[in-house]
Each structure stands twice: as C-alpha cells, then as structure tokens.
N, C-alpha and C. Protein backbone atom coordinates (compact mmCIF):
# COMPACT_ATOMS: atom_id res chain seq x y z
N MET A 1 15.43 41.33 73.76
CA MET A 1 14.62 40.13 73.77
C MET A 1 13.57 40.26 74.89
N HIS A 2 12.36 39.86 74.61
CA HIS A 2 11.25 39.92 75.56
C HIS A 2 11.47 38.92 76.70
N ASP A 3 10.94 39.21 77.88
CA ASP A 3 11.11 38.34 79.04
C ASP A 3 10.63 36.92 78.78
N ASP A 4 9.46 36.78 78.13
CA ASP A 4 8.96 35.44 77.81
C ASP A 4 9.94 34.69 76.92
N ASP A 5 10.53 35.38 75.96
CA ASP A 5 11.49 34.74 75.07
C ASP A 5 12.70 34.22 75.84
N LEU A 6 13.17 35.01 76.80
CA LEU A 6 14.31 34.59 77.61
C LEU A 6 13.98 33.35 78.44
N VAL A 7 12.77 33.31 78.97
CA VAL A 7 12.35 32.16 79.77
C VAL A 7 12.22 30.92 78.89
N PHE A 8 11.56 31.05 77.74
CA PHE A 8 11.44 29.91 76.83
C PHE A 8 12.81 29.42 76.37
N LYS A 9 13.71 30.34 76.06
CA LYS A 9 15.06 29.96 75.65
C LYS A 9 15.75 29.20 76.77
N ALA A 10 15.62 29.69 77.99
CA ALA A 10 16.26 29.04 79.13
C ALA A 10 15.70 27.64 79.36
N LEU A 11 14.39 27.50 79.23
CA LEU A 11 13.74 26.22 79.48
C LEU A 11 13.93 25.22 78.33
N ALA A 12 14.37 25.70 77.19
CA ALA A 12 14.52 24.83 76.02
C ALA A 12 15.67 23.83 76.16
N ASP A 13 16.61 24.11 77.03
CA ASP A 13 17.79 23.26 77.15
C ASP A 13 17.65 22.26 78.30
N PRO A 14 17.91 20.97 78.04
CA PRO A 14 17.76 19.96 79.10
C PRO A 14 18.71 20.16 80.28
N THR A 15 19.90 20.66 80.02
CA THR A 15 20.84 20.90 81.12
C THR A 15 20.32 22.00 82.05
N ARG A 16 19.75 23.04 81.48
CA ARG A 16 19.20 24.11 82.31
C ARG A 16 17.98 23.63 83.08
N ARG A 17 17.16 22.80 82.46
CA ARG A 17 16.02 22.23 83.19
C ARG A 17 16.51 21.35 84.35
N PHE A 18 17.60 20.61 84.11
CA PHE A 18 18.18 19.78 85.17
C PHE A 18 18.65 20.67 86.33
N LEU A 19 19.31 21.77 86.02
CA LEU A 19 19.76 22.69 87.06
C LEU A 19 18.57 23.24 87.86
N LEU A 20 17.50 23.60 87.17
CA LEU A 20 16.31 24.08 87.86
C LEU A 20 15.72 23.00 88.76
N ASP A 21 15.70 21.76 88.28
CA ASP A 21 15.21 20.64 89.10
C ASP A 21 16.06 20.47 90.35
N ARG A 22 17.37 20.60 90.21
CA ARG A 22 18.25 20.48 91.37
C ARG A 22 17.97 21.58 92.38
N LEU A 23 17.76 22.80 91.89
CA LEU A 23 17.47 23.91 92.79
C LEU A 23 16.08 23.77 93.41
N PHE A 24 15.16 23.17 92.69
CA PHE A 24 13.83 22.92 93.24
C PHE A 24 13.94 21.93 94.40
N THR A 25 14.77 20.91 94.22
CA THR A 25 14.98 19.89 95.25
C THR A 25 15.59 20.49 96.50
N ARG A 26 16.62 21.32 96.30
CA ARG A 26 17.28 21.99 97.44
C ARG A 26 17.84 23.31 96.95
N ASP A 27 17.29 24.37 97.43
CA ASP A 27 17.70 25.72 97.04
C ASP A 27 19.01 26.12 97.73
N GLY A 28 19.64 27.14 97.19
CA GLY A 28 20.83 27.70 97.81
C GLY A 28 22.09 26.88 97.57
N ARG A 29 22.25 26.38 96.37
CA ARG A 29 23.43 25.56 96.04
C ARG A 29 24.54 26.42 95.46
N THR A 30 25.75 25.97 95.69
CA THR A 30 26.91 26.65 95.12
C THR A 30 27.17 26.11 93.72
N LEU A 31 27.99 26.82 92.98
CA LEU A 31 28.39 26.36 91.65
C LEU A 31 29.07 24.99 91.75
N THR A 32 29.90 24.81 92.75
CA THR A 32 30.60 23.54 92.93
C THR A 32 29.62 22.39 93.13
N GLU A 33 28.57 22.60 93.92
CA GLU A 33 27.56 21.57 94.13
C GLU A 33 26.83 21.24 92.83
N LEU A 34 26.43 22.26 92.12
CA LEU A 34 25.70 22.05 90.86
C LEU A 34 26.60 21.40 89.82
N GLU A 35 27.83 21.83 89.77
CA GLU A 35 28.78 21.29 88.80
C GLU A 35 29.04 19.81 89.05
N SER A 36 29.05 19.40 90.31
CA SER A 36 29.37 18.00 90.64
C SER A 36 28.33 17.02 90.12
N GLU A 37 27.14 17.52 89.80
CA GLU A 37 26.07 16.65 89.33
C GLU A 37 25.98 16.60 87.81
N LEU A 38 26.89 17.28 87.13
CA LEU A 38 26.89 17.31 85.66
C LEU A 38 28.25 16.90 85.12
N GLU A 39 28.20 16.30 83.96
CA GLU A 39 29.46 15.92 83.30
C GLU A 39 29.82 17.00 82.28
N MET A 40 30.20 18.16 82.79
CA MET A 40 30.64 19.25 81.92
C MET A 40 31.57 20.13 82.72
N THR A 41 32.25 21.00 82.03
CA THR A 41 33.21 21.87 82.70
C THR A 41 32.50 22.88 83.59
N ARG A 42 33.25 23.42 84.50
CA ARG A 42 32.74 24.47 85.40
C ARG A 42 32.23 25.66 84.59
N PHE A 43 32.99 26.01 83.53
CA PHE A 43 32.59 27.14 82.69
C PHE A 43 31.30 26.85 81.93
N GLY A 44 31.11 25.61 81.53
CA GLY A 44 29.86 25.23 80.88
C GLY A 44 28.67 25.42 81.79
N VAL A 45 28.81 24.98 83.05
CA VAL A 45 27.73 25.14 84.03
C VAL A 45 27.50 26.63 84.29
N MET A 46 28.57 27.40 84.38
CA MET A 46 28.44 28.85 84.59
C MET A 46 27.66 29.51 83.46
N LYS A 47 27.91 29.09 82.23
CA LYS A 47 27.18 29.66 81.09
C LYS A 47 25.69 29.34 81.18
N HIS A 48 25.37 28.12 81.56
CA HIS A 48 23.96 27.74 81.70
C HIS A 48 23.30 28.54 82.83
N LEU A 49 24.01 28.70 83.93
CA LEU A 49 23.46 29.48 85.04
C LEU A 49 23.25 30.94 84.65
N ARG A 50 24.14 31.46 83.81
CA ARG A 50 24.00 32.85 83.35
C ARG A 50 22.72 33.01 82.53
N VAL A 51 22.41 32.04 81.66
CA VAL A 51 21.17 32.09 80.87
C VAL A 51 19.96 32.05 81.80
N LEU A 52 20.02 31.20 82.82
CA LEU A 52 18.93 31.10 83.78
C LEU A 52 18.77 32.40 84.57
N GLU A 53 19.89 33.02 84.93
CA GLU A 53 19.85 34.30 85.64
C GLU A 53 19.28 35.40 84.75
N ASP A 54 19.71 35.43 83.50
CA ASP A 54 19.21 36.45 82.56
C ASP A 54 17.70 36.35 82.37
N ALA A 55 17.18 35.12 82.46
CA ALA A 55 15.74 34.90 82.32
C ALA A 55 15.00 35.13 83.64
N GLY A 56 15.74 35.37 84.70
CA GLY A 56 15.13 35.59 86.01
C GLY A 56 14.73 34.32 86.73
N LEU A 57 15.13 33.17 86.20
CA LEU A 57 14.76 31.89 86.80
C LEU A 57 15.65 31.50 87.97
N VAL A 58 16.83 32.09 88.02
CA VAL A 58 17.77 31.85 89.11
C VAL A 58 18.24 33.20 89.63
N VAL A 59 18.27 33.32 90.94
CA VAL A 59 18.83 34.51 91.58
C VAL A 59 19.97 34.04 92.47
N THR A 60 20.93 34.93 92.69
CA THR A 60 22.10 34.55 93.48
C THR A 60 22.25 35.48 94.67
N ARG A 61 22.96 34.96 95.65
CA ARG A 61 23.28 35.75 96.84
C ARG A 61 24.68 35.35 97.30
N LYS A 62 25.50 36.35 97.54
CA LYS A 62 26.84 36.09 98.06
C LYS A 62 26.75 35.84 99.55
N GLU A 63 27.43 34.81 99.98
CA GLU A 63 27.50 34.48 101.39
C GLU A 63 28.96 34.16 101.69
N GLY A 64 29.66 35.15 102.22
CA GLY A 64 31.10 34.99 102.42
C GLY A 64 31.79 34.91 101.07
N ARG A 65 32.54 33.86 100.87
CA ARG A 65 33.25 33.68 99.60
C ARG A 65 32.42 32.89 98.59
N GLU A 66 31.27 32.40 99.01
CA GLU A 66 30.44 31.57 98.14
C GLU A 66 29.31 32.37 97.53
N LYS A 67 28.91 31.93 96.35
CA LYS A 67 27.76 32.49 95.66
C LYS A 67 26.71 31.40 95.62
N LEU A 68 25.57 31.65 96.27
CA LEU A 68 24.50 30.66 96.33
C LEU A 68 23.47 30.94 95.26
N HIS A 69 22.95 29.87 94.66
CA HIS A 69 21.97 29.97 93.59
C HIS A 69 20.62 29.50 94.10
N PHE A 70 19.59 30.30 93.80
CA PHE A 70 18.23 30.01 94.25
C PHE A 70 17.27 30.03 93.07
N LEU A 71 16.30 29.13 93.11
CA LEU A 71 15.25 29.08 92.10
C LEU A 71 14.28 30.22 92.32
N ASN A 72 13.92 30.90 91.24
CA ASN A 72 12.87 31.91 91.28
C ASN A 72 11.74 31.40 90.38
N PRO A 73 10.66 30.87 90.95
CA PRO A 73 9.59 30.28 90.15
C PRO A 73 8.64 31.29 89.51
N VAL A 74 8.78 32.56 89.82
CA VAL A 74 7.84 33.57 89.32
C VAL A 74 7.77 33.61 87.79
N PRO A 75 8.91 33.64 87.06
CA PRO A 75 8.80 33.68 85.60
C PRO A 75 8.09 32.46 85.01
N ILE A 76 8.26 31.30 85.62
CA ILE A 76 7.57 30.10 85.14
C ILE A 76 6.07 30.24 85.38
N ARG A 77 5.71 30.80 86.52
CA ARG A 77 4.29 31.01 86.82
C ARG A 77 3.67 32.00 85.84
N LEU A 78 4.41 33.04 85.50
CA LEU A 78 3.91 34.02 84.53
C LEU A 78 3.71 33.37 83.16
N ILE A 79 4.63 32.49 82.76
CA ILE A 79 4.48 31.75 81.50
C ILE A 79 3.23 30.87 81.59
N HIS A 80 3.07 30.20 82.71
CA HIS A 80 1.90 29.35 82.91
C HIS A 80 0.61 30.16 82.76
N ASP A 81 0.56 31.29 83.45
CA ASP A 81 -0.66 32.10 83.41
C ASP A 81 -0.93 32.64 82.01
N ARG A 82 0.12 33.01 81.31
CA ARG A 82 -0.04 33.62 79.97
C ARG A 82 -0.28 32.59 78.87
N TRP A 83 0.46 31.48 78.91
CA TRP A 83 0.46 30.56 77.77
C TRP A 83 -0.18 29.21 78.03
N ILE A 84 -0.29 28.78 79.25
CA ILE A 84 -0.80 27.44 79.50
C ILE A 84 -2.21 27.47 80.08
N ASP A 85 -2.41 28.31 81.05
CA ASP A 85 -3.69 28.35 81.75
C ASP A 85 -4.87 28.56 80.81
N LYS A 86 -4.70 29.43 79.84
CA LYS A 86 -5.83 29.71 78.95
C LYS A 86 -6.21 28.51 78.08
N PHE A 87 -5.29 27.56 77.90
CA PHE A 87 -5.57 26.39 77.10
C PHE A 87 -6.14 25.24 77.94
N THR A 88 -6.30 25.46 79.23
CA THR A 88 -6.86 24.41 80.08
C THR A 88 -8.31 24.70 80.44
N GLU A 89 -8.93 25.51 79.64
CA GLU A 89 -10.34 25.81 79.86
C GLU A 89 -11.16 24.54 79.69
N ARG A 90 -12.41 24.61 80.11
CA ARG A 90 -13.28 23.44 80.06
C ARG A 90 -13.42 22.89 78.65
N ARG A 91 -13.51 23.77 77.64
CA ARG A 91 -13.67 23.28 76.26
C ARG A 91 -12.49 22.40 75.86
N VAL A 92 -11.30 22.87 76.14
CA VAL A 92 -10.12 22.12 75.76
C VAL A 92 -10.04 20.83 76.55
N SER A 93 -10.36 20.89 77.83
CA SER A 93 -10.37 19.68 78.65
C SER A 93 -11.35 18.66 78.11
N ALA A 94 -12.52 19.12 77.70
CA ALA A 94 -13.52 18.21 77.15
C ALA A 94 -13.01 17.56 75.87
N LEU A 95 -12.33 18.32 75.02
CA LEU A 95 -11.79 17.76 73.78
C LEU A 95 -10.69 16.74 74.05
N THR A 96 -9.82 17.02 75.01
CA THR A 96 -8.77 16.05 75.31
C THR A 96 -9.35 14.79 75.94
N ASP A 97 -10.40 14.94 76.76
CA ASP A 97 -11.07 13.77 77.32
C ASP A 97 -11.71 12.93 76.21
N LEU A 98 -12.35 13.59 75.25
CA LEU A 98 -12.96 12.90 74.12
C LEU A 98 -11.89 12.17 73.30
N LYS A 99 -10.79 12.84 73.03
CA LYS A 99 -9.68 12.22 72.28
C LYS A 99 -9.18 10.97 73.00
N ARG A 100 -8.96 11.08 74.29
CA ARG A 100 -8.48 9.95 75.09
C ARG A 100 -9.48 8.80 75.05
N GLN A 101 -10.76 9.11 75.17
CA GLN A 101 -11.80 8.08 75.15
C GLN A 101 -11.85 7.38 73.79
N LEU A 102 -11.77 8.16 72.72
CA LEU A 102 -11.79 7.58 71.37
C LEU A 102 -10.57 6.69 71.14
N GLU A 103 -9.43 7.10 71.63
CA GLU A 103 -8.22 6.28 71.48
C GLU A 103 -8.34 4.99 72.26
N GLU A 104 -8.95 5.03 73.43
CA GLU A 104 -9.14 3.82 74.24
C GLU A 104 -10.13 2.88 73.55
N ASP A 105 -11.18 3.46 72.96
CA ASP A 105 -12.18 2.64 72.28
C ASP A 105 -11.61 1.95 71.04
N SER A 106 -10.68 2.61 70.37
CA SER A 106 -10.11 2.04 69.15
C SER A 106 -9.00 1.03 69.43
N ALA A 107 -8.53 0.96 70.65
CA ALA A 107 -7.43 0.04 71.00
C ALA A 107 -7.92 -1.36 71.29
C-alpha cells in the first residue's frame, strides 16, 4: 500500500483522529493515558495506534517500562502539499468566494 493510502486510511477513522488530537494537545502519552480517554478496550486502542504508526503519524519511544506515543505531523503535511495546497490556488479561491457571495445573495 502506498504511503498516502496508509495516511488516508488512518485519518478516515474518527477514533484515530481523536487520538491524533490528544497527541497534538500533549505529546508523549502512554497507552494507559490514551486509553483512559476512550470507551474501548486497551486492545482496541492498541489496534488504532498500530494503524497510526504504520502510516507514520505516530512514533513511539520506550522510556523505562513505558512506551510513549508522539505525533509526527510530517505525513499530514505531505498530504497537504500534494492534495490540498494545489486546490487552494487563486482560481479556486475566487470560485469559492463567488459561490459564497451568490448563496448570501439568494438567502
């Protein structure tokens, strides 16, 4: 599977997006910390973290007996540069502004 596909697959699930949001808020969380914020089994959270790791969105580091999870924003930035940035050109912005204006005028 291509790297972009792994990232899109990882981001498609709301639980995985929630985990990324938690890591964005405070990096370096343990499985126990992340698990405490979700109503699912420890193994369920581990499976979601594995998908995020496979996509490169989460990296881990062992610290003593604990495994800390950290957000890696690079794959999201690469997706942005490849798939989103090109659609925010001036032409597209002008069209969305026109659409918004027409919708306001018709309301």
